[in-house]
Amino acid sequence: MKKRHGLARALPVLTPAELDALPTAALLARLQRLRWCEESADASDLSGEELAQALHLVVFKSDPAWRAAYADLKQILAEREHVPNKP
């Protein structure tokens, strides 16, 4: 998966019920994308217009929405069966 930049890196906010309906591979991809989020709006190169568009998206790790999304995702993944990688 390629890293995106700007608002293409933003993630929609999903409820725990929506996350639970996703397959494990999609959850792991979302986890990776959450880890790629920028630290804060202050350290970002997004314009004010882009920041205004990102109000209902998960963009920055300093945002409480990011922490909630990360915690919800980790909780769902902890409940899933672990399948080891191929040898």
N, C-alpha and C. Protein backbone atom coordinates (compact mmCIF):
# COMPACT_ATOMS: atom_id res chain seq x y z
N MET A 1 0.84 -1.17 0.00
CA MET A 1 0.00 0.00 0.00
C MET A 1 0.89 1.24 0.00
N LYS A 2 0.57 2.16 -0.90
CA LYS A 2 1.35 3.39 -0.98
C LYS A 2 0.84 4.39 0.05
N LYS A 3 1.76 5.16 0.58
CA LYS A 3 1.36 6.23 1.48
C LYS A 3 0.77 7.36 0.64
N ARG A 4 -0.29 7.93 1.12
CA ARG A 4 -0.92 9.06 0.45
C ARG A 4 -0.52 10.32 1.18
N HIS A 5 -0.87 11.45 0.60
CA HIS A 5 -0.55 12.71 1.27
C HIS A 5 -1.79 13.59 1.31
N GLY A 6 -1.76 14.59 2.15
CA GLY A 6 -2.88 15.50 2.27
C GLY A 6 -4.13 14.83 2.77
N LEU A 7 -5.26 15.27 2.25
CA LEU A 7 -6.54 14.72 2.69
C LEU A 7 -6.78 13.32 2.17
N ALA A 8 -6.01 12.87 1.20
CA ALA A 8 -6.15 11.49 0.72
C ALA A 8 -5.75 10.51 1.81
N ARG A 9 -5.00 10.98 2.79
CA ARG A 9 -4.57 10.14 3.91
C ARG A 9 -5.64 10.07 5.00
N ALA A 10 -6.62 10.97 4.96
CA ALA A 10 -7.66 11.04 5.98
C ALA A 10 -8.56 9.81 5.93
N LEU A 11 -9.07 9.45 7.10
CA LEU A 11 -9.95 8.29 7.22
C LEU A 11 -11.32 8.71 7.74
N PRO A 12 -12.38 8.07 7.26
CA PRO A 12 -13.70 8.38 7.82
C PRO A 12 -13.82 7.81 9.24
N VAL A 13 -14.65 8.43 10.04
CA VAL A 13 -14.91 7.94 11.39
C VAL A 13 -15.91 6.79 11.27
N LEU A 14 -15.57 5.64 11.83
CA LEU A 14 -16.45 4.47 11.81
C LEU A 14 -16.83 4.08 13.23
N THR A 15 -18.05 3.62 13.39
CA THR A 15 -18.50 3.16 14.69
C THR A 15 -17.92 1.77 14.96
N PRO A 16 -17.89 1.34 16.21
CA PRO A 16 -17.41 -0.02 16.49
C PRO A 16 -18.23 -1.10 15.76
N ALA A 17 -19.52 -0.88 15.58
CA ALA A 17 -20.34 -1.85 14.86
C ALA A 17 -19.92 -1.94 13.39
N GLU A 18 -19.60 -0.80 12.79
CA GLU A 18 -19.13 -0.79 11.40
C GLU A 18 -17.77 -1.47 11.29
N LEU A 19 -16.91 -1.24 12.28
CA LEU A 19 -15.59 -1.88 12.27
C LEU A 19 -15.73 -3.39 12.42
N ASP A 20 -16.63 -3.82 13.27
CA ASP A 20 -16.81 -5.25 13.52
C ASP A 20 -17.28 -5.98 12.27
N ALA A 21 -17.98 -5.27 11.38
CA ALA A 21 -18.49 -5.89 10.15
C ALA A 21 -17.41 -6.03 9.08
N LEU A 22 -16.28 -5.35 9.24
CA LEU A 22 -15.20 -5.42 8.25
C LEU A 22 -14.37 -6.68 8.42
N PRO A 23 -13.83 -7.20 7.31
CA PRO A 23 -12.92 -8.35 7.43
C PRO A 23 -11.60 -7.94 8.09
N THR A 24 -10.90 -8.90 8.62
CA THR A 24 -9.66 -8.63 9.34
C THR A 24 -8.64 -7.91 8.47
N ALA A 25 -8.54 -8.29 7.20
CA ALA A 25 -7.57 -7.63 6.30
C ALA A 25 -7.87 -6.14 6.17
N ALA A 26 -9.14 -5.78 6.09
CA ALA A 26 -9.52 -4.38 6.00
C ALA A 26 -9.20 -3.64 7.30
N LEU A 27 -9.37 -4.31 8.42
CA LEU A 27 -9.04 -3.70 9.71
C LEU A 27 -7.55 -3.46 9.83
N LEU A 28 -6.75 -4.41 9.37
CA LEU A 28 -5.30 -4.24 9.43
C LEU A 28 -4.84 -3.12 8.49
N ALA A 29 -5.49 -2.98 7.34
CA ALA A 29 -5.16 -1.88 6.43
C ALA A 29 -5.53 -0.55 7.07
N ARG A 30 -6.66 -0.51 7.76
CA ARG A 30 -7.07 0.73 8.45
C ARG A 30 -6.09 1.06 9.57
N LEU A 31 -5.62 0.05 10.29
CA LEU A 31 -4.63 0.27 11.34
C LEU A 31 -3.37 0.91 10.76
N GLN A 32 -2.92 0.40 9.63
CA GLN A 32 -1.74 0.97 8.98
C GLN A 32 -1.98 2.42 8.58
N ARG A 33 -3.16 2.69 8.03
CA ARG A 33 -3.47 4.06 7.63
C ARG A 33 -3.57 4.99 8.83
N LEU A 34 -4.08 4.49 9.96
CA LEU A 34 -4.12 5.31 11.18
C LEU A 34 -2.71 5.64 11.65
N ARG A 35 -1.82 4.69 11.52
CA ARG A 35 -0.43 4.92 11.93
C ARG A 35 0.26 5.94 11.03
N TRP A 36 -0.20 6.06 9.78
CA TRP A 36 0.40 7.01 8.84
C TRP A 36 -0.11 8.44 9.01
N CYS A 37 -1.11 8.64 9.86
CA CYS A 37 -1.65 9.98 10.06
C CYS A 37 -0.56 10.91 10.59
N GLU A 38 -0.70 12.19 10.27
CA GLU A 38 0.26 13.19 10.73
C GLU A 38 0.06 13.43 12.23
N GLU A 39 1.11 13.95 12.87
CA GLU A 39 1.07 14.15 14.32
C GLU A 39 0.05 15.20 14.75
N SER A 40 0.08 16.38 14.11
CA SER A 40 -0.82 17.45 14.52
C SER A 40 -1.02 18.43 13.37
N ALA A 41 -2.02 19.28 13.51
CA ALA A 41 -2.29 20.29 12.48
C ALA A 41 -1.15 21.30 12.41
N ASP A 42 -0.50 21.56 13.54
CA ASP A 42 0.61 22.52 13.56
C ASP A 42 1.79 22.03 12.74
N ALA A 43 2.02 20.73 12.73
CA ALA A 43 3.16 20.15 12.01
C ALA A 43 2.79 19.77 10.57
N SER A 44 1.56 20.05 10.18
CA SER A 44 1.07 19.65 8.87
C SER A 44 1.29 20.74 7.83
N ASP A 45 1.31 20.33 6.57
CA ASP A 45 1.41 21.30 5.49
C ASP A 45 0.06 21.51 4.81
N LEU A 46 -1.02 21.06 5.45
CA LEU A 46 -2.36 21.26 4.89
C LEU A 46 -2.75 22.74 4.99
N SER A 47 -3.45 23.21 3.97
CA SER A 47 -3.92 24.60 3.98
C SER A 47 -5.13 24.72 4.90
N GLY A 48 -5.49 25.95 5.19
CA GLY A 48 -6.67 26.18 6.04
C GLY A 48 -7.93 25.64 5.41
N GLU A 49 -8.03 25.72 4.09
CA GLU A 49 -9.18 25.20 3.37
C GLU A 49 -9.25 23.68 3.50
N GLU A 50 -8.12 23.01 3.39
CA GLU A 50 -8.08 21.55 3.53
C GLU A 50 -8.42 21.14 4.96
N LEU A 51 -7.93 21.91 5.93
CA LEU A 51 -8.25 21.60 7.32
C LEU A 51 -9.74 21.74 7.60
N ALA A 52 -10.38 22.72 6.96
CA ALA A 52 -11.82 22.91 7.12
C ALA A 52 -12.59 21.72 6.53
N GLN A 53 -12.09 21.15 5.44
CA GLN A 53 -12.75 20.00 4.81
C GLN A 53 -12.60 18.74 5.65
N ALA A 54 -11.61 18.71 6.51
CA ALA A 54 -11.28 17.50 7.28
C ALA A 54 -11.94 17.46 8.65
N LEU A 55 -12.97 18.25 8.88
CA LEU A 55 -13.58 18.32 10.20
C LEU A 55 -14.16 16.98 10.66
N HIS A 56 -14.73 16.20 9.76
CA HIS A 56 -15.38 14.95 10.14
C HIS A 56 -14.57 13.74 9.71
N LEU A 57 -13.27 13.93 9.57
CA LEU A 57 -12.36 12.86 9.18
C LEU A 57 -11.27 12.70 10.23
N VAL A 58 -10.64 11.55 10.26
CA VAL A 58 -9.50 11.32 11.15
C VAL A 58 -8.25 11.66 10.34
N VAL A 59 -7.55 12.72 10.77
CA VAL A 59 -6.38 13.18 10.02
C VAL A 59 -5.13 13.23 10.89
N PHE A 60 -5.28 13.68 12.14
CA PHE A 60 -4.11 13.91 13.00
C PHE A 60 -4.14 13.04 14.24
N LYS A 61 -2.97 12.59 14.66
CA LYS A 61 -2.86 11.76 15.85
C LYS A 61 -3.19 12.54 17.13
N SER A 62 -3.05 13.84 17.10
CA SER A 62 -3.33 14.64 18.28
C SER A 62 -4.83 14.84 18.50
N ASP A 63 -5.64 14.47 17.53
CA ASP A 63 -7.08 14.62 17.59
C ASP A 63 -7.70 13.51 18.45
N PRO A 64 -8.64 13.83 19.34
CA PRO A 64 -9.30 12.79 20.13
C PRO A 64 -10.00 11.74 19.26
N ALA A 65 -10.44 12.13 18.06
CA ALA A 65 -11.09 11.17 17.15
C ALA A 65 -10.10 10.10 16.72
N TRP A 66 -8.82 10.46 16.56
CA TRP A 66 -7.80 9.47 16.19
C TRP A 66 -7.61 8.47 17.33
N ARG A 67 -7.50 8.99 18.56
CA ARG A 67 -7.31 8.11 19.70
C ARG A 67 -8.50 7.15 19.87
N ALA A 68 -9.71 7.65 19.68
CA ALA A 68 -10.89 6.81 19.78
C ALA A 68 -10.92 5.77 18.66
N ALA A 69 -10.60 6.19 17.44
CA ALA A 69 -10.59 5.26 16.30
C ALA A 69 -9.54 4.18 16.50
N TYR A 70 -8.38 4.56 17.01
CA TYR A 70 -7.29 3.60 17.24
C TYR A 70 -7.68 2.61 18.34
N ALA A 71 -8.25 3.11 19.43
CA ALA A 71 -8.65 2.23 20.54
C ALA A 71 -9.75 1.27 20.11
N ASP A 72 -10.75 1.78 19.37
CA ASP A 72 -11.84 0.91 18.90
C ASP A 72 -11.29 -0.18 17.98
N LEU A 73 -10.40 0.20 17.09
CA LEU A 73 -9.84 -0.76 16.15
C LEU A 73 -9.00 -1.83 16.86
N LYS A 74 -8.18 -1.41 17.80
CA LYS A 74 -7.36 -2.37 18.55
C LYS A 74 -8.25 -3.33 19.36
N GLN A 75 -9.36 -2.83 19.90
CA GLN A 75 -10.29 -3.67 20.65
C GLN A 75 -10.91 -4.73 19.75
N ILE A 76 -11.34 -4.34 18.57
CA ILE A 76 -11.95 -5.28 17.62
C ILE A 76 -10.91 -6.32 17.19
N LEU A 77 -9.69 -5.87 16.88
CA LEU A 77 -8.64 -6.80 16.46
C LEU A 77 -8.26 -7.77 17.57
N ALA A 78 -8.31 -7.33 18.81
CA ALA A 78 -7.97 -8.21 19.94
C ALA A 78 -8.97 -9.35 20.08
N GLU A 79 -10.18 -9.13 19.61
CA GLU A 79 -11.22 -10.15 19.72
C GLU A 79 -11.21 -11.12 18.54
N ARG A 80 -10.45 -10.79 17.48
CA ARG A 80 -10.41 -11.64 16.29
C ARG A 80 -9.43 -12.79 16.49
N GLU A 81 -9.68 -13.88 15.77
CA GLU A 81 -8.79 -15.03 15.82
C GLU A 81 -7.46 -14.67 15.17
N HIS A 82 -6.37 -15.09 15.78
CA HIS A 82 -5.05 -14.86 15.23
C HIS A 82 -4.70 -15.99 14.26
N VAL A 83 -4.31 -15.61 13.06
CA VAL A 83 -3.89 -16.60 12.07
C VAL A 83 -2.43 -16.32 11.77
N PRO A 84 -1.53 -17.26 12.06
CA PRO A 84 -0.11 -17.01 11.84
C PRO A 84 0.20 -16.88 10.34
N ASN A 85 1.29 -16.17 10.06
CA ASN A 85 1.76 -16.03 8.69
C ASN A 85 2.19 -17.36 8.14
N LYS A 86 2.29 -17.45 6.83
CA LYS A 86 2.80 -18.68 6.20
C LYS A 86 4.26 -18.86 6.58
N PRO A 87 4.70 -20.11 6.69
CA PRO A 87 6.10 -20.33 7.11
C PRO A 87 7.11 -19.89 6.07
